[in-house]
N, C-alpha and C. Protein backbone atom coordinates (compact mmCIF):
# COMPACT_ATOMS: atom_id res chain seq x y z
N MET A 1 9.47 48.32 44.67
CA MET A 1 10.80 48.06 44.96
C MET A 1 11.03 46.95 46.40
N SER A 2 10.26 46.03 45.92
CA SER A 2 10.46 44.88 47.32
C SER A 2 11.63 44.56 47.48
N ASP A 3 12.53 44.07 46.30
CA ASP A 3 13.64 43.81 46.71
C ASP A 3 15.27 44.46 46.85
N SER A 4 14.77 45.90 47.64
CA SER A 4 15.66 46.93 47.92
C SER A 4 15.94 47.24 49.04
N GLY A 5 17.15 47.87 49.32
CA GLY A 5 17.56 48.61 50.63
C GLY A 5 18.09 49.85 50.48
N LYS A 6 17.92 50.50 51.58
CA LYS A 6 18.75 51.74 51.72
C LYS A 6 20.11 52.30 51.75
N PHE A 7 20.95 52.69 51.21
CA PHE A 7 22.44 52.39 51.36
C PHE A 7 23.16 53.90 51.10
N ILE A 8 23.97 53.88 51.62
CA ILE A 8 25.23 55.25 51.30
C ILE A 8 26.29 54.78 50.07
N VAL A 9 26.35 55.21 48.97
CA VAL A 9 27.32 55.15 47.99
C VAL A 9 28.39 56.03 48.20
N VAL A 10 29.37 55.66 48.57
CA VAL A 10 31.09 56.46 48.38
C VAL A 10 31.59 56.07 47.50
N PHE A 11 31.96 57.00 46.60
CA PHE A 11 33.00 56.92 45.28
C PHE A 11 34.58 57.70 45.85
N LYS A 12 35.31 57.02 45.24
CA LYS A 12 36.75 57.32 45.37
C LYS A 12 36.82 58.99 45.26
N ASP A 13 37.86 59.27 45.76
CA ASP A 13 38.02 60.91 45.67
C ASP A 13 38.35 61.58 44.40
N HIS A 14 38.72 60.85 43.43
CA HIS A 14 39.00 61.55 42.38
C HIS A 14 37.65 61.56 41.61
N VAL A 15 36.87 60.91 41.72
CA VAL A 15 35.49 60.76 40.94
C VAL A 15 34.60 62.12 41.01
N THR A 16 34.09 62.66 39.77
CA THR A 16 33.81 63.85 39.37
C THR A 16 32.21 63.69 39.75
N SER A 17 31.49 64.85 40.16
CA SER A 17 30.42 65.12 40.25
C SER A 17 29.41 64.46 38.85
N GLU A 18 29.77 64.57 38.02
CA GLU A 18 29.67 64.24 36.44
C GLU A 18 29.40 62.69 36.41
N GLN A 19 30.49 61.97 37.05
CA GLN A 19 30.65 60.94 36.97
C GLN A 19 29.29 60.46 38.28
N ILE A 20 29.32 60.61 39.14
CA ILE A 20 28.32 60.48 40.40
C ILE A 20 26.95 60.58 39.63
N SER A 21 26.85 61.68 38.77
CA SER A 21 25.52 61.72 38.35
C SER A 21 25.27 60.76 37.25
N LYS A 22 26.10 60.37 36.39
CA LYS A 22 25.64 59.03 35.49
C LYS A 22 25.57 57.65 36.37
N TYR A 23 26.06 57.20 37.42
CA TYR A 23 25.59 56.45 38.27
C TYR A 23 24.31 56.46 39.28
N ALA A 24 23.95 57.69 39.57
CA ALA A 24 22.60 57.94 40.15
C ALA A 24 21.71 58.32 38.90
N ALA A 25 21.83 58.01 37.79
CA ALA A 25 20.75 58.06 36.78
C ALA A 25 20.62 56.57 36.58
N GLU A 26 21.95 55.66 36.37
CA GLU A 26 21.94 54.10 36.37
C GLU A 26 21.07 53.74 37.80
N VAL A 27 21.22 54.36 38.57
CA VAL A 27 20.68 53.34 39.59
C VAL A 27 18.73 53.70 39.79
N LYS A 28 19.07 54.62 39.25
CA LYS A 28 17.20 55.33 38.93
C LYS A 28 16.35 54.55 37.65
N ALA A 29 17.79 54.21 36.84
CA ALA A 29 17.20 53.42 35.67
C ALA A 29 16.96 51.54 36.01
N ALA A 30 17.40 51.45 37.36
CA ALA A 30 17.44 50.27 37.54
C ALA A 30 15.94 49.83 38.41
N GLY A 31 15.69 51.01 38.85
CA GLY A 31 14.37 50.82 39.67
C GLY A 31 14.75 51.41 40.91
N GLY A 32 15.77 52.18 41.27
CA GLY A 32 16.22 52.85 42.60
C GLY A 32 15.65 54.27 42.64
N GLU A 33 16.14 54.83 44.06
CA GLU A 33 15.74 56.01 44.30
C GLU A 33 16.85 56.81 45.20
N ILE A 34 17.22 57.87 44.48
CA ILE A 34 18.45 58.76 45.30
C ILE A 34 17.49 59.86 46.03
N LYS A 35 18.19 59.52 47.50
CA LYS A 35 17.77 60.47 48.39
C LYS A 35 18.37 61.39 48.68
N ASP A 36 19.86 61.57 48.70
CA ASP A 36 20.69 62.87 48.88
C ASP A 36 21.87 62.60 48.41
N ARG A 37 22.11 63.65 47.97
CA ARG A 37 23.58 64.13 47.02
C ARG A 37 24.25 64.57 47.93
N TYR A 38 25.54 63.94 48.22
CA TYR A 38 26.66 64.68 49.35
C TYR A 38 27.54 64.81 48.85
N ASP A 39 27.79 64.91 47.31
CA ASP A 39 29.15 65.74 46.84
C ASP A 39 28.90 67.03 46.15
N GLU A 40 27.61 67.44 46.27
CA GLU A 40 27.31 68.86 45.68
C GLU A 40 26.77 69.76 47.10
N GLY A 41 27.38 70.96 46.93
CA GLY A 41 27.20 71.86 47.75
C GLY A 41 28.39 72.00 49.01
N ALA A 42 27.50 71.45 50.21
CA ALA A 42 28.96 71.22 51.14
C ALA A 42 29.98 70.41 51.01
N GLY A 43 29.62 69.21 49.93
CA GLY A 43 30.42 68.57 49.53
C GLY A 43 30.75 67.83 50.96
N ILE A 44 30.13 67.09 51.62
CA ILE A 44 30.67 66.17 52.70
C ILE A 44 31.00 65.15 52.42
N LEU A 45 30.91 64.20 51.35
CA LEU A 45 31.55 63.28 51.22
C LEU A 45 31.29 62.72 49.70
N ASN A 46 32.08 61.81 48.86
CA ASN A 46 31.48 61.72 47.51
C ASN A 46 30.82 60.63 47.30
N GLY A 47 29.92 61.06 47.00
CA GLY A 47 28.66 59.87 47.07
C GLY A 47 26.97 60.47 47.11
N PHE A 48 25.86 59.30 47.29
CA PHE A 48 24.83 59.60 47.70
C PHE A 48 24.46 58.51 48.39
N SER A 49 22.98 58.76 48.91
CA SER A 49 22.20 57.85 49.61
C SER A 49 20.92 57.50 48.69
N ALA A 50 20.56 56.02 48.63
CA ALA A 50 19.72 56.13 47.80
C ALA A 50 18.98 54.36 47.98
N THR A 51 17.81 54.29 47.29
CA THR A 51 17.37 53.11 47.87
C THR A 51 17.77 52.23 46.37
N ILE A 52 18.17 51.30 46.60
CA ILE A 52 18.93 50.22 45.46
C ILE A 52 18.75 49.00 45.33
N PRO A 53 18.18 48.55 44.09
CA PRO A 53 17.53 47.17 44.24
C PRO A 53 18.74 46.19 44.48
N SER A 54 18.35 44.90 45.26
CA SER A 54 19.74 44.06 45.65
C SER A 54 20.52 43.62 44.28
N SER A 55 19.72 43.40 43.05
CA SER A 55 20.49 42.79 41.77
C SER A 55 21.39 44.04 40.90
N PHE A 56 21.33 45.51 41.52
CA PHE A 56 22.05 46.32 40.81
C PHE A 56 23.18 46.54 41.97
N LYS A 57 22.92 46.61 43.13
CA LYS A 57 23.61 46.74 44.16
C LYS A 57 24.94 45.84 44.05
N ALA A 58 25.00 44.84 43.68
CA ALA A 58 26.21 44.12 43.46
C ALA A 58 27.02 44.38 42.06
N SER A 59 26.47 44.93 41.34
CA SER A 59 27.16 45.36 40.24
C SER A 59 27.90 47.09 40.83
N LEU A 60 26.95 47.45 40.88
CA LEU A 60 27.72 48.88 41.88
C LEU A 60 29.03 48.69 43.12
N ALA A 61 28.80 47.83 43.72
CA ALA A 61 29.68 47.25 44.76
C ALA A 61 31.21 47.07 44.00
N GLY A 62 30.89 46.38 42.86
CA GLY A 62 32.11 45.66 42.24
C GLY A 62 32.77 46.90 41.46
N ASP A 63 32.33 47.58 41.12
CA ASP A 63 32.71 49.01 40.29
C ASP A 63 33.88 49.54 41.16
N ASP A 64 35.10 49.81 40.15
CA ASP A 64 36.57 50.53 40.26
C ASP A 64 36.48 51.69 41.01
N LEU A 65 35.27 52.39 40.55
CA LEU A 65 35.26 53.78 41.23
C LEU A 65 34.50 53.99 42.56
N VAL A 66 34.01 52.93 43.06
CA VAL A 66 33.01 52.73 44.28
C VAL A 66 34.29 52.50 45.09
N SER A 67 34.39 53.61 46.36
CA SER A 67 34.99 53.13 47.66
C SER A 67 34.46 52.26 48.25
N TYR A 68 33.51 52.33 48.74
CA TYR A 68 32.53 51.54 49.38
C TYR A 68 30.79 51.72 49.39
N ILE A 69 30.05 50.49 50.19
CA ILE A 69 28.85 50.85 50.44
C ILE A 69 28.12 50.55 51.76
N GLU A 70 27.76 51.07 52.09
CA GLU A 70 27.28 51.12 53.74
C GLU A 70 25.60 51.21 53.65
N PRO A 71 24.92 50.06 54.53
CA PRO A 71 23.75 50.43 55.00
C PRO A 71 23.27 51.89 55.18
N ASP A 72 22.24 52.44 54.89
CA ASP A 72 21.82 53.80 55.58
C ASP A 72 20.97 53.42 56.96
N GLY A 73 21.51 54.29 57.98
CA GLY A 73 20.88 54.06 59.00
C GLY A 73 21.09 55.51 59.77
N VAL A 74 20.41 55.65 60.97
CA VAL A 74 20.58 56.47 62.42
C VAL A 74 21.38 55.99 63.27
N VAL A 75 22.34 57.03 63.24
CA VAL A 75 23.80 57.16 64.01
C VAL A 75 23.53 58.01 65.65
N THR A 76 23.60 57.48 66.40
CA THR A 76 23.52 58.29 67.85
C THR A 76 24.95 58.06 68.35
N ILE A 77 24.87 59.06 69.35
CA ILE A 77 26.06 58.91 70.78
C ILE A 77 25.38 59.26 71.64
N GLN A 78 26.00 58.84 72.86
CA GLN A 78 25.45 58.80 74.12
C GLN A 78 26.07 60.19 74.83
């Protein structure tokens, strides 16, 4: 996965866990790797973090069910 990056993918509120599972499978099929699912259990937000190949990220970002995609990273406060 040399041409990929770590991202958080957030789906619109009405997207179901089953639909998100479909997208997670598509990321894996494209050569990516799902790190964490946030829509299961605590339901922090509707989405997942993943390593996504750049060729697939463009099509995912243009999808109507995706609210936004942002780089995954560490956030700190003072």
